[in-house]
Amino acid sequence: MGVVVVLDSCTDQTTAIAMRHRVDICVVKARNVGAARAAGAHAMLAAGARWLAFTDADTNVSATWLSSQLAIGADAVCGSVEVVDWSPHGEYAQLIEAHFLETYFDRDGHRHIHGANLGVSAPAYLRAGGFQALACSEDRTWSARSRPAAPASPGVRLPASRRVPARTVA
């Protein structure tokens, strides 16, 4: 198994698109991003995956996205994102975009966690307990749990890198 598309209560054309590309499909009825990511991770781990790379249906990654994650040589990698469309936020789109541009830092060492651009080794994913069934912030919650509890505790080395970009819709 190389790619699994998790279909969480989809009502659009995602199923047909996934079938055209002949990727494995995992169907869930959770309407919950944490549960969907966890289901995809479980499917990949059951198939023997050593590295899990997460993104979203409205996100584009480069042809070198996976190799760029692996080249960093860490337990996990948080890539950067470029938002190309703020319109899903409706009347608040301009305010949210302005806040993002003021607070987002697209550089190595950025402090942002994006489930739409996250890679993690299978052992590190499991050590941190996997994704929780959260409607949002499942990525940040996983990241927080992956950090060492005490200075001597083994934690996940999780560098943030702009060398692994993704383009997404807000």
Protein backbone atom coordinates (compact mmCIF):
# COMPACT_ATOMS: atom_id res chain seq x y z
CA MET A 1 0.00 0.00 0.00
CA GLY A 2 1.41 3.38 -0.98
CA VAL A 3 -1.51 5.81 -0.79
CA VAL A 4 -4.76 5.60 1.09
CA VAL A 5 -7.51 8.16 0.63
CA VAL A 6 -9.80 8.42 3.62
CA LEU A 7 -13.35 9.24 2.60
CA ASP A 8 -15.15 10.66 5.61
CA SER A 9 -18.84 11.04 4.79
CA CYS A 10 -17.96 12.32 1.31
CA THR A 11 -20.76 13.60 -0.88
CA ASP A 12 -18.63 15.03 -3.68
CA GLN A 13 -16.58 13.39 -6.45
CA THR A 14 -13.65 12.37 -4.22
CA THR A 15 -14.51 8.66 -4.39
CA ALA A 16 -14.60 8.68 -8.20
CA ILE A 17 -11.35 10.62 -8.40
CA ALA A 18 -9.61 8.23 -5.98
CA MET A 19 -10.86 5.22 -7.93
CA ARG A 20 -9.54 6.69 -11.20
CA HIS A 21 -6.10 7.00 -9.61
CA ARG A 22 -6.25 3.45 -8.27
CA VAL A 23 -5.33 4.30 -4.70
CA ASP A 24 -6.58 2.41 -1.69
CA ILE A 25 -9.72 3.82 -0.12
CA CYS A 26 -10.75 3.84 3.54
CA VAL A 27 -14.37 4.82 4.16
CA VAL A 28 -15.42 6.27 7.51
CA LYS A 29 -18.62 7.98 8.63
CA ALA A 30 -17.21 10.13 11.40
CA ARG A 31 -17.35 13.70 10.05
CA ASN A 32 -14.24 14.17 12.18
CA VAL A 33 -10.76 15.01 10.92
CA GLY A 34 -8.98 13.31 13.82
CA ALA A 35 -10.92 10.08 13.34
CA ALA A 36 -10.32 10.22 9.57
CA ARG A 37 -6.57 10.75 9.94
CA ALA A 38 -6.40 7.97 12.54
CA ALA A 39 -8.27 5.58 10.22
CA GLY A 40 -5.87 6.32 7.37
CA ALA A 41 -2.87 5.87 9.65
CA HIS A 42 -4.26 2.58 10.94
CA ALA A 43 -4.72 1.30 7.38
CA MET A 44 -1.18 2.26 6.44
CA LEU A 45 0.33 0.80 9.62
CA ALA A 46 -1.58 -2.46 9.07
CA ALA A 47 -0.02 -2.61 5.61
CA GLY A 48 3.48 -2.22 7.10
CA ALA A 49 4.11 1.49 6.42
CA ARG A 50 7.25 2.88 8.01
CA TRP A 51 6.42 6.54 7.27
CA LEU A 52 3.03 8.27 7.33
CA ALA A 53 2.49 11.45 5.32
CA PHE A 54 -0.73 13.40 5.89
CA THR A 55 -2.39 16.01 3.72
CA ASP A 56 -5.91 17.16 2.87
CA ALA A 57 -8.16 16.91 -0.18
CA ASP A 58 -7.93 20.66 -0.79
CA THR A 59 -4.13 20.66 -0.60
CA ASN A 60 -1.54 20.25 -3.33
CA VAL A 61 1.92 18.87 -2.60
CA SER A 62 4.88 18.64 -4.92
CA ALA A 63 6.11 15.51 -6.68
CA THR A 64 9.07 15.55 -4.25
CA TRP A 65 6.95 16.09 -1.12
CA LEU A 66 7.48 12.64 0.37
CA SER A 67 11.18 12.42 -0.49
CA SER A 68 11.66 15.92 0.95
CA GLN A 69 10.09 14.81 4.24
CA LEU A 70 12.30 11.74 4.41
CA ALA A 71 15.46 13.67 3.47
CA ILE A 72 15.18 15.75 6.65
CA GLY A 73 15.98 12.59 8.62
CA ALA A 74 13.74 13.29 11.61
CA ASP A 75 11.06 11.35 13.49
CA ALA A 76 8.47 13.69 12.02
CA VAL A 77 8.32 16.81 9.86
CA CYS A 78 5.93 19.76 9.88
CA GLY A 79 5.94 21.43 6.51
CA SER A 80 4.79 24.92 5.68
CA VAL A 81 1.59 25.91 3.92
CA GLU A 82 0.66 28.57 1.45
CA VAL A 83 -3.04 29.42 1.47
CA VAL A 84 -4.23 30.09 -2.07
CA ASP A 85 -7.93 30.70 -1.41
CA TRP A 86 -9.44 32.32 1.65
CA SER A 87 -13.01 32.44 0.28
CA PRO A 88 -14.30 29.47 2.34
CA HIS A 89 -14.22 31.87 5.31
CA GLY A 90 -16.90 34.01 3.69
CA GLU A 91 -17.30 37.50 5.09
CA TYR A 92 -14.34 36.92 7.46
CA ALA A 93 -11.90 35.92 4.73
CA GLN A 94 -10.01 39.23 4.63
CA LEU A 95 -9.66 39.40 8.42
CA ILE A 96 -8.44 35.81 8.68
CA GLU A 97 -6.01 36.28 5.79
CA ALA A 98 -4.63 39.46 7.39
CA HIS A 99 -4.15 37.64 10.71
CA PHE A 100 -2.45 34.73 8.96
CA LEU A 101 -0.07 37.03 7.07
CA GLU A 102 0.77 38.85 10.30
CA THR A 103 1.41 35.75 12.40
CA TYR A 104 2.56 33.05 9.96
CA PHE A 105 6.26 32.52 9.43
CA ASP A 106 7.26 30.54 6.35
CA ARG A 107 10.77 29.57 7.40
CA ASP A 108 12.66 26.63 8.82
CA GLY A 109 11.86 26.37 12.49
CA HIS A 110 8.37 27.85 12.11
CA ARG A 111 6.07 27.03 15.01
CA HIS A 112 3.03 25.99 12.98
CA ILE A 113 1.57 22.48 12.93
CA HIS A 114 -0.45 21.51 9.86
CA GLY A 115 -2.22 18.18 9.45
CA ALA A 116 -2.34 19.12 5.76
CA ASN A 117 1.47 18.91 5.65
CA LEU A 118 2.75 16.48 8.25
CA GLY A 119 4.98 13.43 7.98
CA VAL A 120 5.87 11.06 10.79
CA SER A 121 7.64 7.74 11.24
CA ALA A 122 5.40 4.86 12.25
CA PRO A 123 7.16 4.36 15.62
CA ALA A 124 6.93 8.08 16.48
CA TYR A 125 3.26 8.19 15.51
CA LEU A 126 2.51 5.23 17.77
CA ARG A 127 4.67 6.48 20.68
CA ALA A 128 2.60 9.67 20.77
CA GLY A 129 -0.64 7.67 20.76
CA GLY A 130 -1.83 8.44 17.24
CA PHE A 131 -4.48 10.99 16.32
CA GLN A 132 -7.39 11.51 18.67
CA ALA A 133 -10.94 11.78 17.29
CA LEU A 134 -11.02 15.57 17.49
CA ALA A 135 -13.04 17.79 15.16
CA CYS A 136 -10.07 20.19 14.92
CA SER A 137 -6.53 20.58 16.25
CA GLU A 138 -5.89 16.83 16.07
CA ASP A 139 -2.53 17.72 14.53
CA ARG A 140 -1.53 20.13 17.30
CA THR A 141 -2.74 17.73 19.98
CA TRP A 142 -0.68 14.89 18.49
CA SER A 143 2.34 17.20 18.25
CA ALA A 144 2.01 18.27 21.89
CA ARG A 145 1.79 14.64 23.01
CA SER A 146 4.85 13.77 20.95
CA ARG A 147 7.09 16.16 22.86
CA PRO A 148 9.07 14.83 25.83
CA ALA A 149 7.34 15.29 29.19
CA ALA A 150 10.66 15.87 30.95
CA PRO A 151 14.12 16.80 29.69
CA ALA A 152 15.36 13.19 29.95
CA SER A 153 12.22 11.68 28.34
CA PRO A 154 12.43 10.39 24.80
CA GLY A 155 10.31 12.59 22.57
CA VAL A 156 9.76 12.95 18.88
CA ARG A 157 12.20 15.13 16.99
CA LEU A 158 9.76 17.25 15.01
CA PRO A 159 11.49 19.94 12.94
CA ALA A 160 9.40 22.48 11.08
CA SER A 161 10.66 23.02 7.57
CA ARG A 162 9.84 25.29 4.70
CA ARG A 163 11.65 22.77 2.45
CA VAL A 164 8.41 20.76 2.50
CA PRO A 165 5.75 23.22 1.26
CA ALA A 166 2.10 22.59 0.46
CA ARG A 167 -0.54 24.80 -1.16
CA THR A 168 -4.01 24.71 0.37
CA VAL A 169 -7.42 26.30 0.53
CA ALA A 170 -8.15 27.87 3.90
